[in-house]
Amino acid sequence: MNRLTVVGRIVRDVELREVGDGKIVMNNTLAIPRTYKVDHGQETDFINFVAWGKRAELIEEYCDKGNLVGLDGKIQSRNYENDKGQTVYVVEMLVDSVHFLQPRNSTRRRNRQKQAKN
């Protein structure tokens, strides 16, 4: 069984990319605080995640850097060759569903509405 459910904060600005034949994808990282504290404060795990299609579009529409979200999905591994010819191995979460745990950012919505009018 390969299932993962996590709750954390989005680490970077949310950006969509178009790949291949028009498929939409987004990659980001979720900061997940550990349930215990250490002498120098609370430790945090950083989990890379990828969302495709409508899920990616929903995250981009409703979330900003720092927003709290819940993600359900599975772990996947892949590799690719970088521009130096080295094989890079990646382990990440493939998102199946998103749970928005904060209200939508109204400032971002207003900025989009202004851009649409211009």
PDB file of N, CA and C in Angstrom:
ATOM      1  N   MET A   1       0.850  -1.175   0.000  1.00  0.00           N
ATOM      2  CA  MET A   1       0.000   0.000   0.000  1.00  0.00           C
ATOM      3  C   MET A   1       0.896   1.239   0.000  1.00  0.00           C
ATOM      4  N   ASN A   2       0.571   2.175  -0.835  1.00  0.00           N
ATOM      5  CA  ASN A   2       1.349   3.401  -0.969  1.00  0.00           C
ATOM      6  C   ASN A   2       0.390   4.584  -0.841  1.00  0.00           C
ATOM      7  N   ARG A   3       0.147   5.051   0.364  1.00  0.00           N
ATOM      8  CA  ARG A   3      -0.737   6.187   0.623  1.00  0.00           C
ATOM      9  C   ARG A   3      -0.033   7.146   1.581  1.00  0.00           C
ATOM     10  N   LEU A   4      -0.228   8.414   1.355  1.00  0.00           N
ATOM     11  CA  LEU A   4       0.377   9.434   2.198  1.00  0.00           C
ATOM     12  C   LEU A   4      -0.630  10.563   2.378  1.00  0.00           C
ATOM     13  N   THR A   5      -0.825  10.986   3.624  1.00  0.00           N
ATOM     14  CA  THR A   5      -1.649  12.145   3.942  1.00  0.00           C
ATOM     15  C   THR A   5      -0.815  13.057   4.822  1.00  0.00           C
ATOM     16  N   VAL A   6      -0.662  14.307   4.402  1.00  0.00           N
ATOM     17  CA  VAL A   6       0.168  15.257   5.135  1.00  0.00           C
ATOM     18  C   VAL A   6      -0.548  16.593   5.250  1.00  0.00           C
ATOM     19  N   VAL A   7      -0.218  17.325   6.296  1.00  0.00           N
ATOM     20  CA  VAL A   7      -0.709  18.691   6.494  1.00  0.00           C
ATOM     21  C   VAL A   7       0.506  19.565   6.744  1.00  0.00           C
ATOM     22  N   GLY A   8       0.616  20.654   5.987  1.00  0.00           N
ATOM     23  CA  GLY A   8       1.749  21.552   6.155  1.00  0.00           C
ATOM     24  C   GLY A   8       1.538  22.842   5.390  1.00  0.00           C
ATOM     25  N   ARG A   9       2.606  23.632   5.330  1.00  0.00           N
ATOM     26  CA  ARG A   9       2.556  24.943   4.666  1.00  0.00           C
ATOM     27  C   ARG A   9       3.356  24.910   3.365  1.00  0.00           C
ATOM     28  N   ILE A  10       2.797  25.558   2.354  1.00  0.00           N
ATOM     29  CA  ILE A  10       3.453  25.630   1.051  1.00  0.00           C
ATOM     30  C   ILE A  10       4.689  26.515   1.167  1.00  0.00           C
ATOM     31  N   VAL A  11       5.820  26.017   0.683  1.00  0.00           N
ATOM     32  CA  VAL A  11       7.105  26.677   0.899  1.00  0.00           C
ATOM     33  C   VAL A  11       7.396  27.791  -0.104  1.00  0.00           C
ATOM     34  N   ARG A  12       7.040  27.596  -1.366  1.00  0.00           N
ATOM     35  CA  ARG A  12       7.380  28.584  -2.404  1.00  0.00           C
ATOM     36  C   ARG A  12       6.122  29.134  -3.073  1.00  0.00           C
ATOM     37  N   ASP A  13       6.290  30.236  -3.802  1.00  0.00           N
ATOM     38  CA  ASP A  13       5.189  30.762  -4.608  1.00  0.00           C
ATOM     39  C   ASP A  13       4.699  29.662  -5.545  1.00  0.00           C
ATOM     40  N   VAL A  14       3.409  29.612  -5.749  1.00  0.00           N
ATOM     41  CA  VAL A  14       2.795  28.567  -6.571  1.00  0.00           C
ATOM     42  C   VAL A  14       2.847  29.003  -8.032  1.00  0.00           C
ATOM     43  N   GLU A  15       3.449  28.145  -8.872  1.00  0.00           N
ATOM     44  CA  GLU A  15       3.558  28.445 -10.293  1.00  0.00           C
ATOM     45  C   GLU A  15       3.203  27.211 -11.100  1.00  0.00           C
ATOM     46  N   LEU A  16       2.412  27.410 -12.128  1.00  0.00           N
ATOM     47  CA  LEU A  16       2.048  26.326 -13.039  1.00  0.00           C
ATOM     48  C   LEU A  16       3.005  26.325 -14.222  1.00  0.00           C
ATOM     49  N   ARG A  17       3.221  25.121 -14.768  1.00  0.00           N
ATOM     50  CA  ARG A  17       4.001  24.980 -15.995  1.00  0.00           C
ATOM     51  C   ARG A  17       3.195  24.121 -16.962  1.00  0.00           C
ATOM     52  N   GLU A  18       3.424  24.362 -18.228  1.00  0.00           N
ATOM     53  CA  GLU A  18       2.807  23.533 -19.256  1.00  0.00           C
ATOM     54  C   GLU A  18       3.899  22.649 -19.840  1.00  0.00           C
ATOM     55  N   VAL A  19       3.639  21.345 -19.875  1.00  0.00           N
ATOM     56  CA  VAL A  19       4.629  20.403 -20.400  1.00  0.00           C
ATOM     57  C   VAL A  19       3.987  19.522 -21.460  1.00  0.00           C
ATOM     58  N   GLY A  20       4.840  18.956 -22.292  1.00  0.00           N
ATOM     59  CA  GLY A  20       4.355  18.003 -23.297  1.00  0.00           C
ATOM     60  C   GLY A  20       3.286  18.598 -24.179  1.00  0.00           C
ATOM     61  N   ASP A  21       2.194  17.877 -24.299  1.00  0.00           N
ATOM     62  CA  ASP A  21       1.105  18.298 -25.187  1.00  0.00           C
ATOM     63  C   ASP A  21       0.047  19.112 -24.441  1.00  0.00           C
ATOM     64  N   GLY A  22       0.501  20.111 -23.674  1.00  0.00           N
ATOM     65  CA  GLY A  22      -0.422  21.013 -23.003  1.00  0.00           C
ATOM     66  C   GLY A  22      -0.821  20.593 -21.607  1.00  0.00           C
ATOM     67  N   LYS A  23      -0.160  19.603 -21.023  1.00  0.00           N
ATOM     68  CA  LYS A  23      -0.477  19.187 -19.660  1.00  0.00           C
ATOM     69  C   LYS A  23       0.024  20.228 -18.666  1.00  0.00           C
ATOM     70  N   ILE A  24      -0.787  20.488 -17.631  1.00  0.00           N
ATOM     71  CA  ILE A  24      -0.446  21.466 -16.594  1.00  0.00           C
ATOM     72  C   ILE A  24       0.131  20.718 -15.395  1.00  0.00           C
ATOM     73  N   VAL A  25       1.235  21.243 -14.858  1.00  0.00           N
ATOM     74  CA  VAL A  25       1.868  20.623 -13.697  1.00  0.00           C
ATOM     75  C   VAL A  25       2.402  21.710 -12.778  1.00  0.00           C
ATOM     76  N   MET A  26       2.481  21.402 -11.511  1.00  0.00           N
ATOM     77  CA  MET A  26       3.150  22.284 -10.551  1.00  0.00           C
ATOM     78  C   MET A  26       3.964  21.425  -9.603  1.00  0.00           C
ATOM     79  N   ASN A  27       5.134  21.918  -9.253  1.00  0.00           N
ATOM     80  CA  ASN A  27       5.997  21.287  -8.264  1.00  0.00           C
ATOM     81  C   ASN A  27       6.213  22.288  -7.145  1.00  0.00           C
ATOM     82  N   ASN A  28       6.188  21.801  -5.916  1.00  0.00           N
ATOM     83  CA  ASN A  28       6.431  22.674  -4.781  1.00  0.00           C
ATOM     84  C   ASN A  28       6.882  21.809  -3.618  1.00  0.00           C
ATOM     85  N   THR A  29       6.968  22.404  -2.458  1.00  0.00           N
ATOM     86  CA  THR A  29       7.405  21.709  -1.258  1.00  0.00           C
ATOM     87  C   THR A  29       6.460  22.066  -0.126  1.00  0.00           C
ATOM     88  N   LEU A  30       6.183  21.095   0.723  1.00  0.00           N
ATOM     89  CA  LEU A  30       5.344  21.300   1.899  1.00  0.00           C
ATOM     90  C   LEU A  30       6.217  21.220   3.139  1.00  0.00           C
ATOM     91  N   ALA A  31       6.137  22.229   4.004  1.00  0.00           N
ATOM     92  CA  ALA A  31       6.860  22.233   5.286  1.00  0.00           C
ATOM     93  C   ALA A  31       5.943  21.635   6.341  1.00  0.00           C
ATOM     94  N   ILE A  32       6.389  20.555   6.964  1.00  0.00           N
ATOM     95  CA  ILE A  32       5.583  19.834   7.941  1.00  0.00           C
ATOM     96  C   ILE A  32       6.310  19.819   9.274  1.00  0.00           C
ATOM     97  N   PRO A  33       5.802  20.545  10.273  1.00  0.00           N
ATOM     98  CA  PRO A  33       6.480  20.553  11.577  1.00  0.00           C
ATOM     99  C   PRO A  33       6.363  19.188  12.247  1.00  0.00           C
ATOM    100  N   ARG A  34       7.450  18.769  12.870  1.00  0.00           N
ATOM    101  CA  ARG A  34       7.423  17.509  13.617  1.00  0.00           C
ATOM    102  C   ARG A  34       6.649  17.714  14.912  1.00  0.00           C
ATOM    103  N   THR A  35       6.126  16.631  15.452  1.00  0.00           N
ATOM    104  CA  THR A  35       5.273  16.732  16.640  1.00  0.00           C
ATOM    105  C   THR A  35       6.062  16.894  17.930  1.00  0.00           C
ATOM    106  N   TYR A  36       7.375  16.829  17.857  1.00  0.00           N
ATOM    107  CA  TYR A  36       8.193  16.999  19.053  1.00  0.00           C
ATOM    108  C   TYR A  36       9.131  18.182  18.863  1.00  0.00           C
ATOM    109  N   LYS A  37       9.598  18.712  19.955  1.00  0.00           N
ATOM    110  CA  LYS A  37      10.526  19.838  19.909  1.00  0.00           C
ATOM    111  C   LYS A  37      11.899  19.383  20.388  1.00  0.00           C
ATOM    112  N   VAL A  38      12.918  20.044  19.876  1.00  0.00           N
ATOM    113  CA  VAL A  38      14.293  19.788  20.288  1.00  0.00           C
ATOM    114  C   VAL A  38      14.822  21.035  20.990  1.00  0.00           C
ATOM    115  N   ASP A  39      16.017  20.968  21.515  1.00  0.00           N
ATOM    116  CA  ASP A  39      16.588  22.086  22.283  1.00  0.00           C
ATOM    117  C   ASP A  39      16.582  23.413  21.522  1.00  0.00           C
ATOM    118  N   HIS A  40      16.809  23.364  20.215  1.00  0.00           N
ATOM    119  CA  HIS A  40      16.893  24.604  19.435  1.00  0.00           C
ATOM    120  C   HIS A  40      15.578  24.944  18.729  1.00  0.00           C
ATOM    121  N   GLY A  41      14.466  24.394  19.181  1.00  0.00           N
ATOM    122  CA  GLY A  41      13.156  24.712  18.602  1.00  0.00           C
ATOM    123  C   GLY A  41      12.515  23.488  17.982  1.00  0.00           C
ATOM    124  N   GLN A  42      11.543  23.710  17.156  1.00  0.00           N
ATOM    125  CA  GLN A  42      10.820  22.608  16.530  1.00  0.00           C
ATOM    126  C   GLN A  42      11.441  22.292  15.177  1.00  0.00           C
ATOM    127  N   GLU A  43      11.631  21.026  14.891  1.00  0.00           N
ATOM    128  CA  GLU A  43      12.177  20.619  13.601  1.00  0.00           C
ATOM    129  C   GLU A  43      11.057  20.479  12.580  1.00  0.00           C
ATOM    130  N   THR A  44      11.426  20.624  11.330  1.00  0.00           N
ATOM    131  CA  THR A  44      10.463  20.581  10.239  1.00  0.00           C
ATOM    132  C   THR A  44      10.966  19.656   9.149  1.00  0.00           C
ATOM    133  N   ASP A  45      10.054  18.893   8.569  1.00  0.00           N
ATOM    134  CA  ASP A  45      10.365  18.077   7.393  1.00  0.00           C
ATOM    135  C   ASP A  45       9.855  18.809   6.169  1.00  0.00           C
ATOM    136  N   PHE A  46      10.569  18.670   5.066  1.00  0.00           N
ATOM    137  CA  PHE A  46      10.194  19.296   3.809  1.00  0.00           C
ATOM    138  C   PHE A  46       9.936  18.195   2.786  1.00  0.00           C
ATOM    139  N   ILE A  47       8.697  18.108   2.313  1.00  0.00           N
ATOM    140  CA  ILE A  47       8.284  17.065   1.388  1.00  0.00           C
ATOM    141  C   ILE A  47       7.977  17.698   0.032  1.00  0.00           C
ATOM    142  N   ASN A  48       8.708  17.287  -0.995  1.00  0.00           N
ATOM    143  CA  ASN A  48       8.427  17.752  -2.351  1.00  0.00           C
ATOM    144  C   ASN A  48       7.151  17.096  -2.844  1.00  0.00           C
ATOM    145  N   PHE A  49       6.338  17.865  -3.569  1.00  0.00           N
ATOM    146  CA  PHE A  49       5.123  17.296  -4.142  1.00  0.00           C
ATOM    147  C   PHE A  49       4.905  17.800  -5.554  1.00  0.00           C
ATOM    148  N   VAL A  50       4.151  17.017  -6.322  1.00  0.00           N
ATOM    149  CA  VAL A  50       3.796  17.372  -7.694  1.00  0.00           C
ATOM    150  C   VAL A  50       2.294  17.174  -7.855  1.00  0.00           C
ATOM    151  N   ALA A  51       1.656  18.131  -8.527  1.00  0.00           N
ATOM    152  CA  ALA A  51       0.216  18.044  -8.817  1.00  0.00           C
ATOM    153  C   ALA A  51       0.032  18.311 -10.307  1.00  0.00           C
ATOM    154  N   TRP A  52      -0.897  17.564 -10.908  1.00  0.00           N
ATOM    155  CA  TRP A  52      -1.162  17.667 -12.336  1.00  0.00           C
ATOM    156  C   TRP A  52      -2.581  18.156 -12.593  1.00  0.00           C
ATOM    157  N   GLY A  53      -2.780  18.764 -13.740  1.00  0.00           N
ATOM    158  CA  GLY A  53      -4.107  19.106 -14.234  1.00  0.00           C
ATOM    159  C   GLY A  53      -4.920  19.987 -13.314  1.00  0.00           C
ATOM    160  N   LYS A  54      -6.170  19.578 -13.098  1.00  0.00           N
ATOM    161  CA  LYS A  54      -7.117  20.376 -12.311  1.00  0.00           C
ATOM    162  C   LYS A  54      -6.627  20.579 -10.878  1.00  0.00           C
ATOM    163  N   ARG A  55      -5.973  19.568 -10.290  1.00  0.00           N
ATOM    164  CA  ARG A  55      -5.455  19.725  -8.919  1.00  0.00           C
ATOM    165  C   ARG A  55      -4.425  20.849  -8.872  1.00  0.00           C
ATOM    166  N   ALA A  56      -3.540  20.875  -9.849  1.00  0.00           N
ATOM    167  CA  ALA A  56      -2.527  21.936  -9.913  1.00  0.00           C
ATOM    168  C   ALA A  56      -3.189  23.301 -10.070  1.00  0.00           C
ATOM    169  N   GLU A  57      -4.195  23.378 -10.933  1.00  0.00           N
ATOM    170  CA  GLU A  57      -4.889  24.643 -11.153  1.00  0.00           C
ATOM    171  C   GLU A  57      -5.612  25.115  -9.893  1.00  0.00           C
ATOM    172  N   LEU A  58      -6.204  24.191  -9.156  1.00  0.00           N
ATOM    173  CA  LEU A  58      -6.890  24.560  -7.907  1.00  0.00           C
ATOM    174  C   LEU A  58      -5.905  25.075  -6.863  1.00  0.00           C
ATOM    175  N   ILE A  59      -4.776  24.423  -6.741  1.00  0.00           N
ATOM    176  CA  ILE A  59      -3.758  24.890  -5.782  1.00  0.00           C
ATOM    177  C   ILE A  59      -3.288  26.281  -6.174  1.00  0.00           C
ATOM    178  N   GLU A  60      -3.047  26.487  -7.459  1.00  0.00           N
ATOM    179  CA  GLU A  60      -2.590  27.795  -7.928  1.00  0.00           C
ATOM    180  C   GLU A  60      -3.646  28.867  -7.671  1.00  0.00           C
ATOM    181  N   GLU A  61      -4.922  28.523  -7.840  1.00  0.00           N
ATOM    182  CA  GLU A  61      -5.997  29.487  -7.665  1.00  0.00           C
ATOM    183  C   GLU A  61      -6.228  29.842  -6.202  1.00  0.00           C
ATOM    184  N   TYR A  62      -6.158  28.866  -5.317  1.00  0.00           N
ATOM    185  CA  TYR A  62      -6.562  29.074  -3.930  1.00  0.00           C
ATOM    186  C   TYR A  62      -5.421  29.233  -2.936  1.00  0.00           C
ATOM    187  N   CYS A  63      -4.185  28.991  -3.336  1.00  0.00           N
ATOM    188  CA  CYS A  63      -3.093  28.973  -2.363  1.00  0.00           C
ATOM    189  C   CYS A  63      -1.976  29.941  -2.715  1.00  0.00           C
ATOM    190  N   ASP A  64      -1.311  30.378  -1.679  1.00  0.00           N
ATOM    191  CA  ASP A  64      -0.109  31.185  -1.785  1.00  0.00           C
ATOM    192  C   ASP A  64       0.972  30.556  -0.922  1.00  0.00           C
ATOM    193  N   LYS A  65       2.173  31.024  -1.082  1.00  0.00           N
ATOM    194  CA  LYS A  65       3.273  30.612  -0.226  1.00  0.00           C
ATOM    195  C   LYS A  65       2.858  30.824   1.233  1.00  0.00           C
ATOM    196  N   GLY A  66       3.081  29.812   2.056  1.00  0.00           N
ATOM    197  CA  GLY A  66       2.760  29.910   3.476  1.00  0.00           C
ATOM    198  C   GLY A  66       1.395  29.385   3.859  1.00  0.00           C
ATOM    199  N   ASN A  67       0.520  29.138   2.888  1.00  0.00           N
ATOM    200  CA  ASN A  67      -0.815  28.628   3.203  1.00  0.00           C
ATOM    201  C   ASN A  67      -0.757  27.204   3.727  1.00  0.00           C
ATOM    202  N   LEU A  68      -1.669  26.910   4.646  1.00  0.00           N
ATOM    203  CA  LEU A  68      -1.795  25.586   5.237  1.00  0.00           C
ATOM    204  C   LEU A  68      -2.728  24.741   4.379  1.00  0.00           C
ATOM    205  N   VAL A  69      -2.253  23.564   3.944  1.00  0.00           N
ATOM    206  CA  VAL A  69      -3.051  22.655   3.130  1.00  0.00           C
ATOM    207  C   VAL A  69      -2.861  21.226   3.604  1.00  0.00           C
ATOM    208  N   GLY A  70      -3.836  20.399   3.295  1.00  0.00           N
ATOM    209  CA  GLY A  70      -3.718  18.964   3.486  1.00  0.00           C
ATOM    210  C   GLY A  70      -3.638  18.318   2.117  1.00  0.00           C
ATOM    211  N   LEU A  71      -2.730  17.374   1.960  1.00  0.00           N
ATOM    212  CA  LEU A  71      -2.563  16.679   0.695  1.00  0.00           C
ATOM    213  C   LEU A  71      -2.702  15.183   0.911  1.00  0.00           C
ATOM    214  N   ASP A  72      -3.416  14.529   0.019  1.00  0.00           N
ATOM    215  CA  ASP A  72      -3.498  13.072  -0.016  1.00  0.00           C
ATOM    216  C   ASP A  72      -2.863  12.619  -1.317  1.00  0.00           C
ATOM    217  N   GLY A  73      -2.141  11.510  -1.244  1.00  0.00           N
ATOM    218  CA  GLY A  73      -1.539  11.005  -2.464  1.00  0.00           C
ATOM    219  C   GLY A  73      -0.668   9.811  -2.207  1.00  0.00           C
ATOM    220  N   LYS A  74       0.365   9.678  -3.021  1.00  0.00           N
ATOM    221  CA  LYS A  74       1.284   8.548  -2.884  1.00  0.00           C
ATOM    222  C   LYS A  74       2.711   9.023  -3.156  1.00  0.00           C
ATOM    223  N   ILE A  75       3.651   8.242  -2.688  1.00  0.00           N
ATOM    224  CA  ILE A  75       5.069   8.525  -2.921  1.00  0.00           C
ATOM    225  C   ILE A  75       5.464   7.913  -4.255  1.00  0.00           C
ATOM    226  N   GLN A  76       6.231   8.669  -5.030  1.00  0.00           N
ATOM    227  CA  GLN A  76       6.768   8.127  -6.271  1.00  0.00           C
ATOM    228  C   GLN A  76       8.243   8.491  -6.366  1.00  0.00           C
ATOM    229  N   SER A  77       8.984   7.691  -7.067  1.00  0.00           N
ATOM    230  CA  SER A  77      10.390   7.995  -7.316  1.00  0.00           C
ATOM    231  C   SER A  77      10.604   8.030  -8.824  1.00  0.00           C
ATOM    232  N   ARG A  78      11.529   8.853  -9.241  1.00  0.00           N
ATOM    233  CA  ARG A  78      11.862   8.982 -10.653  1.00  0.00           C
ATOM    234  C   ARG A  78      13.295   9.459 -10.762  1.00  0.00           C
ATOM    235  N   ASN A  79      13.834   9.432 -11.950  1.00  0.00           N
ATOM    236  CA  ASN A  79      15.169   9.980 -12.161  1.00  0.00           C
ATOM    237  C   ASN A  79      15.225  10.634 -13.529  1.00  0.00           C
ATOM    238  N   TYR A  80      16.185  11.524 -13.662  1.00  0.00           N
ATOM    239  CA  TYR A  80      16.406  12.208 -14.931  1.00  0.00           C
ATOM    240  C   TYR A  80      17.869  12.578 -15.023  1.00  0.00           C
ATOM    241  N   GLU A  81      18.295  12.940 -16.206  1.00  0.00           N
ATOM    242  CA  GLU A  81      19.675  13.356 -16.409  1.00  0.00           C
ATOM    243  C   GLU A  81      19.721  14.882 -16.474  1.00  0.00           C
ATOM    244  N   ASN A  82      20.563  15.492 -15.640  1.00  0.00           N
ATOM    245  CA  ASN A  82      20.653  16.959 -15.635  1.00  0.00           C
ATOM    246  C   ASN A  82      21.566  17.440 -16.757  1.00  0.00           C
ATOM    247  N   ASP A  83      21.743  18.757 -16.849  1.00  0.00           N
ATOM    248  CA  ASP A  83      22.524  19.323 -17.950  1.00  0.00           C
ATOM    249  C   ASP A  83      24.008  18.985 -17.875  1.00  0.00           C
ATOM    250  N   LYS A  84      24.479  18.441 -16.744  1.00  0.00           N
ATOM    251  CA  LYS A  84      25.875  18.015 -16.601  1.00  0.00           C
ATOM    252  C   LYS A  84      26.042  16.524 -16.895  1.00  0.00           C
ATOM    253  N   GLY A  85      24.938  15.881 -17.328  1.00  0.00           N
ATOM    254  CA  GLY A  85      24.989  14.470 -17.644  1.00  0.00           C
ATOM    255  C   GLY A  85      24.906  13.549 -16.430  1.00  0.00           C
ATOM    256  N   GLN A  86      24.576  14.115 -15.278  1.00  0.00           N
ATOM    257  CA  GLN A  86      24.473  13.320 -14.054  1.00  0.00           C
ATOM    258  C   GLN A  86      23.030  12.858 -13.873  1.00  0.00           C
ATOM    259  N   THR A  87      22.880  11.642 -13.353  1.00  0.00           N
ATOM    260  CA  THR A  87      21.548  11.131 -13.050  1.00  0.00           C
ATOM    261  C   THR A  87      21.109  11.671 -11.694  1.00  0.00           C
ATOM    262  N   VAL A  88      19.936  12.288 -11.675  1.00  0.00           N
ATOM    263  CA  VAL A  88      19.371  12.853 -10.455  1.00  0.00           C
ATOM    264  C   VAL A  88      18.173  11.995 -10.059  1.00  0.00           C
ATOM    265  N   TYR A  89      18.156  11.554  -8.805  1.00  0.00           N
ATOM    266  CA  TYR A  89      17.056  10.737  -8.294  1.00  0.00           C
ATOM    267  C   TYR A  89      16.152  11.611  -7.426  1.00  0.00           C
ATOM    268  N   VAL A  90      14.853  11.474  -7.633  1.00  0.00           N
ATOM    269  CA  VAL A  90      13.873  12.303  -6.941  1.00  0.00           C
ATOM    270  C   VAL A  90      12.834  11.399  -6.280  1.00  0.00           C
ATOM    271  N   VAL A  91      12.521  11.691  -5.025  1.00  0.00           N
ATOM    272  CA  VAL A  91      11.396  11.067  -4.339  1.00  0.00           C
ATOM    273  C   VAL A  91      10.439  12.199  -3.992  1.00  0.00           C
ATOM    274  N   GLU A  92       9.173  12.060  -4.371  1.00  0.00           N
ATOM    275  CA  GLU A  92       8.210  13.132  -4.173  1.00  0.00           C
ATOM    276  C   GLU A  92       6.825  12.546  -3.961  1.00  0.00           C
ATOM    277  N   MET A  93       5.934  13.399  -3.519  1.00  0.00           N
ATOM    278  CA  MET A  93       4.535  13.010  -3.340  1.00  0.00           C
ATOM    279  C   MET A  93       3.768  13.383  -4.593  1.00  0.00           C
ATOM    280  N   LEU A  94       3.005  12.427  -5.120  1.00  0.00           N
ATOM    281  CA  LEU A  94       2.100  12.682  -6.228  1.00  0.00           C
ATOM    282  C   LEU A  94       0.724  12.937  -5.625  1.00  0.00           C
ATOM    283  N   VAL A  95       0.191  14.139  -5.803  1.00  0.00           N
ATOM    284  CA  VAL A  95      -1.041  14.572  -5.144  1.00  0.00           C
ATOM    285  C   VAL A  95      -2.270  14.002  -5.852  1.00  0.00           C
ATOM    286  N   ASP A  96      -3.126  13.342  -5.055  1.00  0.00           N
ATOM    287  CA  ASP A  96      -4.412  12.851  -5.553  1.00  0.00           C
ATOM    288  C   ASP A  96      -5.551  13.797  -5.173  1.00  0.00           C
ATOM    289  N   SER A  97      -5.470  14.409  -3.984  1.00  0.00           N
ATOM    290  CA  SER A  97      -6.503  15.362  -3.567  1.00  0.00           C
ATOM    291  C   SER A  97      -5.912  16.417  -2.644  1.00  0.00           C
ATOM    292  N   VAL A  98      -6.571  17.568  -2.648  1.00  0.00           N
ATOM    293  CA  VAL A  98      -6.119  18.732  -1.882  1.00  0.00           C
ATOM    294  C   VAL A  98      -7.222  19.158  -0.930  1.00  0.00           C
ATOM    295  N   HIS A  99      -6.842  19.510   0.287  1.00  0.00           N
ATOM    296  CA  HIS A  99      -7.787  20.009   1.285  1.00  0.00           C
ATOM    297  C   HIS A  99      -7.298  21.390   1.711  1.00  0.00           C
ATOM    298  N   PHE A 100      -8.099  22.399   1.406  1.00  0.00           N
ATOM    299  CA  PHE A 100      -7.719  23.781   1.716  1.00  0.00           C
ATOM    300  C   PHE A 100      -8.086  24.062   3.169  1.00  0.00           C
ATOM    301  N   LEU A 101      -7.101  24.392   3.977  1.00  0.00           N
ATOM    302  CA  LEU A 101      -7.297  24.560   5.408  1.00  0.00           C
ATOM    303  C   LEU A 101      -7.252  26.017   5.844  1.00  0.00           C
ATOM    304  N   GLN A 102      -7.192  26.934   4.889  1.00  0.00           N
ATOM    305  CA  GLN A 102      -7.212  28.372   5.154  1.00  0.00           C
ATOM    306  C   GLN A 102      -8.142  29.028   4.156  1.00  0.00           C
ATOM    307  N   PRO A 103      -8.723  30.162   4.524  1.00  0.00           N
ATOM    308  CA  PRO A 103      -9.558  30.885   3.552  1.00  0.00           C
ATOM    309  C   PRO A 103      -8.711  31.346   2.365  1.00  0.00           C
ATOM    310  N   ARG A 104      -9.350  31.475   1.238  1.00  0.00           N
ATOM    311  CA  ARG A 104      -8.682  31.961   0.029  1.00  0.00           C
ATOM    312  C   ARG A 104      -8.121  33.350   0.280  1.00  0.00           C
ATOM    313  N   ASN A 105      -6.953  33.624  -0.272  1.00  0.00           N
ATOM    314  CA  ASN A 105      -6.287  34.907  -0.105  1.00  0.00           C
ATOM    315  C   ASN A 105      -7.004  35.969  -0.940  1.00  0.00           C
ATOM    316  N   SER A 106      -7.720  36.883  -0.276  1.00  0.00           N
ATOM    317  CA  SER A 106      -8.518  37.884  -0.989  1.00  0.00           C
ATOM    318  C   SER A 106      -7.643  38.920  -1.693  1.00  0.00           C
ATOM    319  N   THR A 107      -6.443  39.210  -1.188  1.00  0.00           N
ATOM    320  CA  THR A 107      -5.548  40.157  -1.844  1.00  0.00           C
ATOM    321  C   THR A 107      -5.136  39.631  -3.210  1.00  0.00           C
ATOM    322  N   ARG A 108      -4.810  38.358  -3.271  1.00  0.00           N
ATOM    323  CA  ARG A 108      -4.407  37.755  -4.537  1.00  0.00           C
ATOM    324  C   ARG A 108      -5.564  37.787  -5.528  1.00  0.00           C
ATOM    325  N   ARG A 109      -6.772  37.507  -5.068  1.00  0.00           N
ATOM    326  CA  ARG A 109      -7.950  37.522  -5.941  1.00  0.00           C
ATOM    327  C   ARG A 109      -8.158  38.928  -6.502  1.00  0.00           C
ATOM    328  N   ARG A 110      -8.023  39.971  -5.664  1.00  0.00           N
ATOM    329  CA  ARG A 110      -8.192  41.348  -6.139  1.00  0.00           C
ATOM    330  C   ARG A 110      -7.134  41.696  -7.184  1.00  0.00           C
ATOM    331  N   ASN A 111      -5.888  41.254  -6.959  1.00  0.00           N
ATOM    332  CA  ASN A 111      -4.818  41.533  -7.928  1.00  0.00           C
ATOM    333  C   ASN A 111      -5.113  40.873  -9.270  1.00  0.00           C
ATOM    334  N   ARG A 112      -5.632  39.660  -9.258  1.00  0.00           N
ATOM    335  CA  ARG A 112      -5.988  38.972 -10.509  1.00  0.00           C
ATOM    336  C   ARG A 112      -7.104  39.700 -11.217  1.00  0.00           C
ATOM    337  N   GLN A 113      -8.094  40.187 -10.460  1.00  0.00           N
ATOM    338  CA  GLN A 113      -9.211  40.892 -11.060  1.00  0.00           C
ATOM    339  C   GLN A 113      -8.712  42.184 -11.719  1.00  0.00           C
ATOM    340  N   LYS A 114      -7.777  42.876 -11.079  1.00  0.00           N
ATOM    341  CA  LYS A 114      -7.203  44.096 -11.654  1.00  0.00           C
ATOM    342  C   LYS A 114      -6.456  43.781 -12.940  1.00  0.00           C
ATOM    343  N   GLN A 115      -5.669  42.676 -12.932  1.00  0.00           N
ATOM    344  CA  GLN A 115      -4.912  42.301 -14.118  1.00  0.00           C
ATOM    345  C   GLN A 115      -5.861  41.943 -15.270  1.00  0.00           C
ATOM    346  N   ALA A 116      -6.964  41.303 -14.970  1.00  0.00           N
ATOM    347  CA  ALA A 116      -7.925  40.916 -15.999  1.00  0.00           C
ATOM    348  C   ALA A 116      -8.567  42.132 -16.649  1.00  0.00           C
ATOM    349  N   LYS A 117      -8.757  43.198 -15.879  1.00  0.00           N
ATOM    350  CA  LYS A 117      -9.366  44.411 -16.414  1.00  0.00           C
ATOM    351  C   LYS A 117      -8.408  45.179 -17.319  1.00  0.00           C
ATOM    352  N   ASN A 118      -7.111  45.043 -17.073  1.00  0.00           N
ATOM    353  CA  ASN A 118      -6.106  45.812 -17.866  1.00  0.00           C
ATOM    354  C   ASN A 118      -5.804  45.178 -19.170  1.00  0.00           C
TER     355      ASN A 118
END
